[in-house]
Protein backbone atom coordinates (compact mmCIF):
# COMPACT_ATOMS: atom_id res chain seq x y z
CA UNK A 1 87.64 124.67 133.75
CA UNK A 2 91.33 125.56 133.24
CA UNK A 3 92.94 125.59 129.83
CA UNK A 4 95.13 122.66 130.84
CA UNK A 5 92.18 120.53 131.91
CA UNK A 6 90.30 121.44 128.74
CA UNK A 7 93.26 120.38 126.64
CA UNK A 8 93.58 117.07 128.47
CA UNK A 9 89.84 116.46 128.12
CA UNK A 10 89.97 117.04 124.36
CA UNK A 11 93.02 114.79 124.07
CA UNK A 12 91.27 112.01 125.98
CA UNK A 13 88.18 112.33 123.77
CA UNK A 14 90.29 112.15 120.62
CA UNK A 15 92.15 109.10 121.96
CA UNK A 16 88.92 107.24 122.75
CA UNK A 17 87.51 108.07 119.34
CA UNK A 18 90.70 106.92 117.62
CA UNK A 19 90.69 103.59 119.47
CA UNK A 20 87.00 103.00 118.70
CA UNK A 21 87.61 103.87 115.05
CA UNK A 22 90.63 101.60 114.81
CA UNK A 23 88.74 98.62 116.22
CA UNK A 24 85.78 99.29 113.93
CA UNK A 25 87.97 99.68 110.86
CA UNK A 26 89.79 96.44 111.60
CA UNK A 27 86.48 94.64 112.20
CA UNK A 28 85.05 95.85 108.89
CA UNK A 29 88.09 94.90 106.77
CA UNK A 30 89.54 91.97 108.69
CA UNK A 31 88.18 89.32 106.34
CA UNK A 32 90.59 90.49 103.65
CA UNK A 33 93.63 89.61 105.69
CA UNK A 34 96.02 91.18 108.22
CA UNK A 35 97.20 93.96 105.94
CA UNK A 36 93.68 95.02 105.10
CA UNK A 37 92.75 94.93 108.78
CA UNK A 38 95.73 97.13 109.65
CA UNK A 39 94.88 99.60 106.89
CA UNK A 40 91.24 99.58 107.92
CA UNK A 41 92.21 100.21 111.52
CA UNK A 42 94.34 103.21 110.59
CA UNK A 43 91.61 104.62 108.37
CA UNK A 44 88.97 104.10 111.06
CA UNK A 45 91.12 105.79 113.69
CA UNK A 46 91.69 108.79 111.41
CA UNK A 47 87.99 109.14 110.52
CA UNK A 48 86.69 108.89 114.09
CA UNK A 49 89.40 111.16 115.51
CA UNK A 50 88.69 113.77 112.82
CA UNK A 51 84.95 113.54 113.49
CA UNK A 52 85.53 113.96 117.22
CA UNK A 53 87.72 117.02 116.60
CA UNK A 54 85.12 118.65 114.35
CA UNK A 55 82.26 117.88 116.74
CA UNK A 56 84.13 119.33 119.72
CA UNK A 57 85.12 122.43 117.78
CA UNK A 58 81.50 123.10 116.85
CA UNK A 59 80.05 122.19 120.24
CA UNK A 60 78.75 125.19 122.16
CA UNK A 61 78.67 125.54 125.95
CA UNK A 62 75.63 123.76 127.38
CA UNK A 63 75.23 121.48 124.34
CA UNK A 64 75.78 117.76 124.02
CA UNK A 65 77.92 116.56 121.08
CA UNK A 66 76.33 116.77 117.62
CA UNK A 67 73.88 114.00 116.71
CA UNK A 68 75.89 112.87 113.68
CA UNK A 69 79.02 112.39 115.78
CA UNK A 70 77.13 110.33 118.34
CA UNK A 71 75.70 108.13 115.60
CA UNK A 72 79.15 107.66 114.07
CA UNK A 73 80.59 106.63 117.43
CA UNK A 74 77.74 104.22 118.18
CA UNK A 75 78.17 102.67 114.73
CA UNK A 76 81.88 102.19 115.36
CA UNK A 77 81.32 100.56 118.72
CA UNK A 78 78.60 98.33 117.27
CA UNK A 79 80.86 97.25 114.42
CA UNK A 80 83.33 95.79 116.90
CA UNK A 81 80.55 94.11 118.87
CA UNK A 82 79.04 92.73 115.65
CA UNK A 83 82.38 91.27 114.60
CA UNK A 84 82.76 89.56 117.98
CA UNK A 85 79.18 88.28 117.95
CA UNK A 86 79.61 86.88 114.47
CA UNK A 87 82.82 85.10 115.44
CA UNK A 88 81.28 83.53 118.54
CA UNK A 89 77.85 82.56 117.21
CA UNK A 90 78.23 82.32 113.44
CA UNK A 91 74.87 84.08 113.13
CA UNK A 92 73.63 85.37 109.79
CA UNK A 93 72.81 88.96 108.81
CA UNK A 94 69.19 88.92 109.99
CA UNK A 95 70.07 87.63 113.45
CA UNK A 96 73.02 90.03 113.80
CA UNK A 97 70.94 93.01 112.66
CA UNK A 98 68.04 92.12 114.93
CA UNK A 99 70.33 91.75 117.96
CA UNK A 100 72.13 95.03 117.26
CA UNK A 101 68.87 96.89 116.77
CA UNK A 102 67.36 95.37 119.89
CA UNK A 103 70.26 96.54 122.05
CA UNK A 104 70.19 100.03 120.53
CA UNK A 105 66.43 100.23 121.04
CA UNK A 106 66.71 99.09 124.66
CA UNK A 107 69.26 101.84 125.32
CA UNK A 108 66.74 104.33 123.96
CA UNK A 109 64.48 103.55 126.98
CA UNK A 110 61.35 104.94 125.36
CA UNK A 111 58.89 102.06 124.77
CA UNK A 112 58.44 103.03 121.13
CA UNK A 113 62.20 102.95 120.63
CA UNK A 114 62.49 99.60 122.39
CA UNK A 115 59.97 98.19 119.93
CA UNK A 116 61.49 99.94 116.90
CA UNK A 117 65.04 98.74 117.52
CA UNK A 118 64.74 95.04 116.64
CA UNK A 119 62.36 95.78 113.74
CA UNK A 120 64.79 98.26 112.17
CA UNK A 121 67.71 95.93 112.85
CA UNK A 122 65.94 92.95 111.26
CA UNK A 123 65.10 95.04 108.20
CA UNK A 124 68.74 96.06 107.81
CA UNK A 125 69.87 92.46 108.21
CA UNK A 126 67.32 91.24 105.64
CA UNK A 127 68.50 93.88 103.16
CA UNK A 128 72.11 92.77 103.54
CA UNK A 129 71.05 89.12 103.22
CA UNK A 130 69.37 89.90 99.89
CA UNK A 131 72.34 91.93 98.70
CA UNK A 132 75.20 89.66 99.69
CA UNK A 133 73.93 86.46 101.27
CA UNK A 134 75.44 85.18 104.51
CA UNK A 135 78.94 86.37 103.61
CA UNK A 136 78.28 89.99 104.52
CA UNK A 137 80.60 90.93 107.43
CA UNK A 138 78.67 90.92 110.71
CA UNK A 139 80.47 94.13 111.67
CA UNK A 140 78.98 95.90 108.66
CA UNK A 141 75.50 94.54 109.35
CA UNK A 142 75.57 95.57 113.01
CA UNK A 143 76.93 99.07 112.33
CA UNK A 144 74.44 99.80 109.56
CA UNK A 145 71.55 98.41 111.63
CA UNK A 146 72.32 100.76 114.52
CA UNK A 147 72.96 103.77 112.28
CA UNK A 148 69.74 103.12 110.37
CA UNK A 149 67.75 102.67 113.55
CA UNK A 150 69.07 105.91 115.02
CA UNK A 151 68.32 107.86 111.85
CA UNK A 152 64.77 106.51 111.75
CA UNK A 153 64.25 107.15 115.47
CA UNK A 154 65.45 110.74 115.06
CA UNK A 155 62.82 111.29 112.37
CA UNK A 156 60.00 109.71 114.36
CA UNK A 157 60.80 110.94 117.88
CA UNK A 158 61.92 114.54 117.81
CA UNK A 159 61.73 115.49 121.47
CA UNK A 160 65.08 114.88 123.21
CA UNK A 161 65.50 112.14 125.77
CA UNK A 162 68.25 114.01 127.60
CA UNK A 163 69.46 117.57 127.69
CA UNK A 164 72.77 118.97 128.90
CA UNK A 165 71.79 121.07 131.89
CA UNK A 166 75.18 122.12 133.24
CA UNK A 167 78.84 121.56 132.44
CA UNK A 168 81.63 121.90 134.98
CA UNK A 169 79.25 123.49 137.49
CA UNK A 170 79.73 123.90 141.23
CA UNK A 171 77.63 121.70 143.50
CA UNK A 172 76.07 124.75 145.17
CA UNK A 173 74.74 125.88 141.78
CA UNK A 174 72.80 122.62 141.39
CA UNK A 175 71.05 122.07 144.73
CA UNK A 176 68.73 119.49 143.14
CA UNK A 177 71.66 117.15 142.42
CA UNK A 178 73.23 114.89 145.04
CA UNK A 179 76.97 115.35 144.30
CA UNK A 180 78.16 112.00 145.64
CA UNK A 181 79.57 109.36 143.31
CA UNK A 182 80.82 105.80 143.63
CA UNK A 183 84.59 105.70 143.45
CA UNK A 184 84.73 102.05 142.43
CA UNK A 185 82.96 99.98 139.79
CA UNK A 186 80.73 98.36 142.44
CA UNK A 187 78.41 100.37 144.68
CA UNK A 188 77.10 97.73 147.10
CA UNK A 189 75.82 97.86 150.66
CA UNK A 190 79.15 99.16 151.99
CA UNK A 191 78.93 102.41 150.05
CA UNK A 192 78.31 104.76 152.99
CA UNK A 193 81.12 103.19 155.03
CA UNK A 194 83.52 103.63 152.09
CA UNK A 195 82.29 107.22 151.63
CA UNK A 196 83.03 107.99 155.28
CA UNK A 197 86.62 106.86 154.77
CA UNK A 198 86.93 109.46 151.99
CA UNK A 199 85.10 112.48 153.41
CA UNK A 200 85.68 111.84 157.11
CA UNK A 201 83.21 112.19 159.94
CA UNK A 202 81.60 109.75 162.34
CA UNK A 203 80.13 106.69 160.57
CA UNK A 204 77.24 104.69 162.03
CA UNK A 205 76.14 101.45 160.42
CA UNK A 206 72.47 100.57 160.78
CA UNK A 207 71.82 103.68 162.85
CA UNK A 208 69.14 103.18 165.48
CA UNK A 209 65.94 105.23 165.30
CA UNK A 210 67.14 107.12 162.20
CA UNK A 211 65.00 108.55 159.43
CA UNK A 212 65.52 109.24 155.75
CA UNK A 213 64.82 112.90 156.56
CA UNK A 214 65.61 114.85 159.71
CA UNK A 215 62.16 116.45 159.87
CA UNK A 216 59.16 116.74 157.58
CA UNK A 217 59.01 120.38 158.64
CA UNK A 218 61.99 120.97 156.32
CA UNK A 219 59.64 120.29 153.38
CA UNK A 220 57.09 122.99 154.16
CA UNK A 221 56.01 125.21 151.28
CA UNK A 222 53.07 126.96 149.63
CA UNK A 223 51.55 123.64 148.55
CA UNK A 224 52.51 121.47 151.51
CA UNK A 225 51.87 121.91 155.24
CA UNK A 226 53.63 119.19 157.29
CA UNK A 227 51.17 119.79 160.14
CA UNK A 228 48.50 118.02 158.08
CA UNK A 229 50.47 114.79 157.76
CA UNK A 230 49.28 111.73 159.69
CA UNK A 231 51.54 111.04 162.70
CA UNK A 232 52.32 107.54 161.41
CA UNK A 233 53.48 108.90 158.04
CA UNK A 234 55.63 111.50 159.79
CA UNK A 235 57.13 108.85 162.04
CA UNK A 236 57.99 106.67 159.06
CA UNK A 237 59.99 109.46 157.41
CA UNK A 238 61.66 110.73 160.56
CA UNK A 239 62.23 107.31 162.24
CA UNK A 240 62.41 104.99 159.26
CA UNK A 241 64.39 102.27 161.01
CA UNK A 242 61.47 101.58 163.32
CA UNK A 243 59.70 99.95 160.37
CA UNK A 244 60.11 96.99 158.05
CA UNK A 245 58.82 96.93 154.48
CA UNK A 246 57.10 94.18 152.50
CA UNK A 247 57.40 94.81 148.75
CA UNK A 248 55.19 93.58 145.91
CA UNK A 249 56.60 94.66 142.52
CA UNK A 250 54.16 95.09 139.64
CA UNK A 251 56.00 95.17 136.30
CA UNK A 252 54.24 95.86 133.02
CA UNK A 253 54.78 93.01 130.57
CA UNK A 254 56.25 95.17 127.82
CA UNK A 255 59.22 96.22 129.96
CA UNK A 256 60.14 92.83 131.42
CA UNK A 257 62.54 91.63 128.66
CA UNK A 258 64.46 94.90 128.67
CA UNK A 259 64.63 94.99 132.45
CA UNK A 260 65.93 91.41 132.63
CA UNK A 261 68.72 92.38 130.22
CA UNK A 262 69.50 95.52 132.23
CA UNK A 263 69.45 93.63 135.49
CA UNK A 264 71.81 90.94 134.27
CA UNK A 265 74.29 93.20 132.49
CA UNK A 266 74.12 96.36 134.63
CA UNK A 267 72.29 96.28 137.97
CA UNK A 268 73.78 93.15 139.54
CA UNK A 269 77.39 93.79 138.43
CA UNK A 270 76.99 97.40 139.58
CA UNK A 271 75.38 96.60 142.94
CA UNK A 272 72.71 99.27 142.47
CA UNK A 273 69.07 99.65 141.38
CA UNK A 274 68.44 95.89 141.42
CA UNK A 275 64.64 95.89 141.79
CA UNK A 276 62.99 92.52 142.51
CA UNK A 277 61.39 90.97 139.45
CA UNK A 278 58.41 89.44 141.25
CA UNK A 279 56.91 88.79 144.65
CA UNK A 280 58.62 85.40 144.85
CA UNK A 281 61.98 87.16 145.08
CA UNK A 282 60.76 89.44 147.86
CA UNK A 283 59.79 86.38 149.93
CA UNK A 284 63.54 85.95 150.48
CA UNK A 285 63.11 88.93 152.80
CA UNK A 286 64.24 92.52 152.39
CA UNK A 287 66.64 94.08 154.84
CA UNK A 288 66.30 97.84 155.31
CA UNK A 289 68.85 99.93 157.17
CA UNK A 290 70.12 103.50 157.31
CA UNK A 291 73.84 104.22 157.52
CA UNK A 292 74.83 107.75 158.54
CA UNK A 293 77.83 110.06 158.50
CA UNK A 294 78.04 112.93 160.97
CA UNK A 295 80.68 115.55 160.12
CA UNK A 296 83.38 116.14 162.72
CA UNK A 297 82.62 118.93 165.15
CA UNK A 298 78.83 118.62 164.91
CA UNK A 299 76.05 116.32 166.05
CA UNK A 300 73.92 116.89 162.92
CA UNK A 301 73.81 113.99 160.46
CA UNK A 302 75.29 115.00 157.12
CA UNK A 303 74.72 111.85 155.05
CA UNK A 304 71.76 109.47 155.29
CA UNK A 305 72.10 106.33 153.18
CA UNK A 306 68.99 104.14 152.97
CA UNK A 307 70.21 100.69 151.99
CA UNK A 308 67.86 97.91 151.01
CA UNK A 309 69.13 94.42 150.26
CA UNK A 310 67.94 90.82 150.09
CA UNK A 311 68.03 89.45 153.62
CA UNK A 312 69.54 86.05 152.76
CA UNK A 313 72.55 87.28 150.74
CA UNK A 314 72.76 91.05 151.43
CA UNK A 315 72.68 91.52 147.64
CA UNK A 316 71.91 95.23 147.09
CA UNK A 317 68.49 96.35 145.89
CA UNK A 318 68.88 100.11 146.33
CA UNK A 319 71.58 102.32 147.78
CA UNK A 320 70.08 105.81 148.03
CA UNK A 321 71.42 108.98 149.65
CA UNK A 322 68.49 111.04 150.97
CA UNK A 323 68.76 114.80 151.30
CA UNK A 324 66.41 117.75 151.70
CA UNK A 325 66.91 121.37 150.72
CA UNK A 326 64.92 124.56 150.37
CA UNK A 327 64.57 126.88 147.40
CA UNK A 328 62.27 129.87 146.94
CA UNK A 329 60.31 129.03 150.07
CA UNK A 330 59.75 125.35 149.20
CA UNK A 331 61.25 122.16 150.53
CA UNK A 332 62.35 119.32 148.25
CA UNK A 333 63.57 115.75 148.67
CA UNK A 334 66.53 114.70 146.53
CA UNK A 335 67.48 111.03 146.41
CA UNK A 336 70.87 110.30 144.89
CA UNK A 337 71.78 106.84 143.62
CA UNK A 338 75.58 106.65 143.31
CA UNK A 339 77.07 105.07 140.19
CA UNK A 340 80.75 104.92 139.17
CA UNK A 341 82.06 108.51 138.86
CA UNK A 342 78.51 109.83 138.92
CA UNK A 343 75.05 109.93 140.41
CA UNK A 344 71.46 109.49 139.27
CA UNK A 345 69.31 111.90 141.28
CA UNK A 346 65.54 112.05 141.66
CA UNK A 347 64.34 115.40 143.01
CA UNK A 348 60.77 115.24 144.29
CA UNK A 349 58.19 117.82 145.29
CA UNK A 350 56.11 117.10 148.43
CA UNK A 351 52.34 117.46 148.16
CA UNK A 352 49.51 116.64 150.58
CA UNK A 353 47.35 113.57 150.15
CA UNK A 354 43.79 113.26 151.49
CA UNK A 355 43.60 111.60 154.88
CA UNK A 356 46.98 112.83 156.08
CA UNK A 357 49.05 111.08 153.44
CA UNK A 358 52.07 112.41 151.58
CA UNK A 359 52.90 112.51 147.88
CA UNK A 360 56.42 112.93 146.49
CA UNK A 361 56.45 113.53 142.76
CA UNK A 362 58.89 114.45 140.01
CA UNK A 363 56.07 115.79 137.81
CA UNK A 364 55.80 119.53 138.24
CA UNK A 365 55.91 122.79 136.32
CA UNK A 366 58.54 123.98 138.80
CA UNK A 367 62.16 124.00 137.68
CA UNK A 368 63.73 121.64 140.19
CA UNK A 369 61.67 118.40 140.31
CA UNK A 370 62.92 115.81 137.84
CA UNK A 371 65.69 113.30 137.21
CA UNK A 372 69.33 114.09 136.64
CA UNK A 373 72.35 112.05 135.59
CA UNK A 374 75.57 113.67 136.76
CA UNK A 375 79.27 113.06 136.26
CA UNK A 376 81.36 114.16 139.25
CA UNK A 377 84.93 115.24 138.56
CA UNK A 378 86.93 113.44 141.24
CA UNK A 379 89.63 116.12 141.33
CA UNK A 380 87.66 119.39 141.17
CA UNK A 381 84.22 118.15 142.37
CA UNK A 382 82.67 119.94 139.37
CA UNK A 383 79.40 118.55 138.03
CA UNK A 384 78.34 117.87 134.46
CA UNK A 385 74.62 117.15 134.55
CA UNK A 386 72.06 115.81 132.09
CA UNK A 387 68.34 116.30 132.63
CA UNK A 388 66.58 112.99 131.89
CA UNK A 389 63.30 113.88 130.21
CA UNK A 390 60.33 111.54 130.06
CA UNK A 391 61.16 109.60 133.24
CA UNK A 392 58.69 110.32 136.03
CA UNK A 393 57.88 108.87 139.42
CA UNK A 394 55.27 109.37 142.12
CA UNK A 395 55.34 108.02 145.66
CA UNK A 396 52.07 107.92 147.61
CA UNK A 397 52.33 107.17 151.33
CA UNK A 398 49.07 106.78 153.27
CA UNK A 399 47.38 105.22 156.25
CA UNK A 400 44.55 102.85 155.37
CA UNK A 401 42.57 101.07 158.09
CA UNK A 402 45.38 101.83 160.50
CA UNK A 403 47.96 100.24 158.19
CA UNK A 404 50.80 102.26 156.68
CA UNK A 405 51.04 101.67 152.94
CA UNK A 406 52.85 103.13 149.96
CA UNK A 407 52.72 102.89 146.17
CA UNK A 408 55.76 103.98 144.16
CA UNK A 409 54.87 104.34 140.46
CA UNK A 410 57.32 104.88 137.57
CA UNK A 411 56.57 105.91 133.97
CA UNK A 412 58.43 106.48 130.71
CA UNK A 413 56.94 109.12 128.43
CA UNK A 414 53.57 108.71 130.10
CA UNK A 415 53.58 104.90 129.91
CA UNK A 416 53.58 103.23 133.36
CA UNK A 417 56.12 100.44 133.60
CA UNK A 418 56.54 99.64 137.31
CA UNK A 419 54.68 100.11 140.57
CA UNK A 420 56.19 99.02 143.87
CA UNK A 421 53.51 98.32 146.47
CA UNK A 422 54.65 98.52 150.09
CA UNK A 423 53.14 97.35 153.34
CA UNK A 424 54.99 99.03 156.15
CA UNK A 425 54.97 97.47 159.63
CA UNK A 426 56.46 98.45 162.94
CA UNK A 427 59.33 96.24 164.04
CA UNK A 428 58.13 96.73 167.64
CA UNK A 429 54.31 96.95 167.76
CA UNK A 430 54.42 97.99 171.42
CA UNK A 431 56.21 101.27 170.67
CA UNK A 432 54.15 104.36 171.50
């Protein structure tokens, strides 16, 4: 990272902090009139900018910003949201605190944090109600609810949810990360076509007889021999477009409210990771296709995008870029899900399953399997990557009574929250 880029990055961080502080300060003091709001905005901008400067000065390479600075920023952002919510709804302190805590808890992902958020927020709101009645500024209630929740969560849950793994790294130094981002705010089913326009190469939409991997032999290692895989499982991975998938999602009840909020506010507007809520939705039909990009001057596919969408509207379900690589004599599968200016990657270790099945899992004592959230610098292609702890997945693919099936299970901190059950059928039963 050059000195000039570092300076611009610090300046941008200070500017964002100053704007967030100004809005928070104005929200907290606005009831006293325009002059008080202006003074509060200036004070808020100065406090947040100074905090950002101190946090960055003390931040060491490979570390995320200090906890106190993150709490201060989240409180500032919540103050503005609380002010807006109060203006629109006229809600009292308990309702504002509960809502702010619930959102903060949902962002924590961990089930215990999801449950703690609204409880802590309601407690903060009740305390303000006792202290000042309904006239307490909603901005103050929301900010204190979030700050209190985060302090309590830090005391109760000491293991980190994320860790800064690399900053401004080269893509070749992080082979377990798929370094492909979305360059717009919407990913959608046209992602691979749009990517081809940027990186060049020959683009094929809905490629015929294509697989999500070139060959299962690329995954061979000390714990996995591709020769033991059932021919039907191998065919599914190497010729995925020969098959259609019927999906039955099984959501745990505790995660449903948070997922509905995420789906409404994030997944659908983003056009990515929009998992069906129930089997009724899957009856609309699921379209599965693979779009490919082959670099100029070669006949080897460079990008394989497995795109699943609802058949009636083509609304995206998943847009995943599938890659394989080898490290220390082992093969791995990395699946990258592009998001704006970044990528969420799942790197999975292949293991054998009795009866010729295949397991892909992120749970391993090895260094590479896991989940990674990466920001991709559009100018330099450098990667800043967070390791997402506590999120695990396991995909079991097997042949049962001649039928190809799969179960894709997801957990948070050891608590299962979703299993996708697949029945996989040939599109042309007469194919040899």
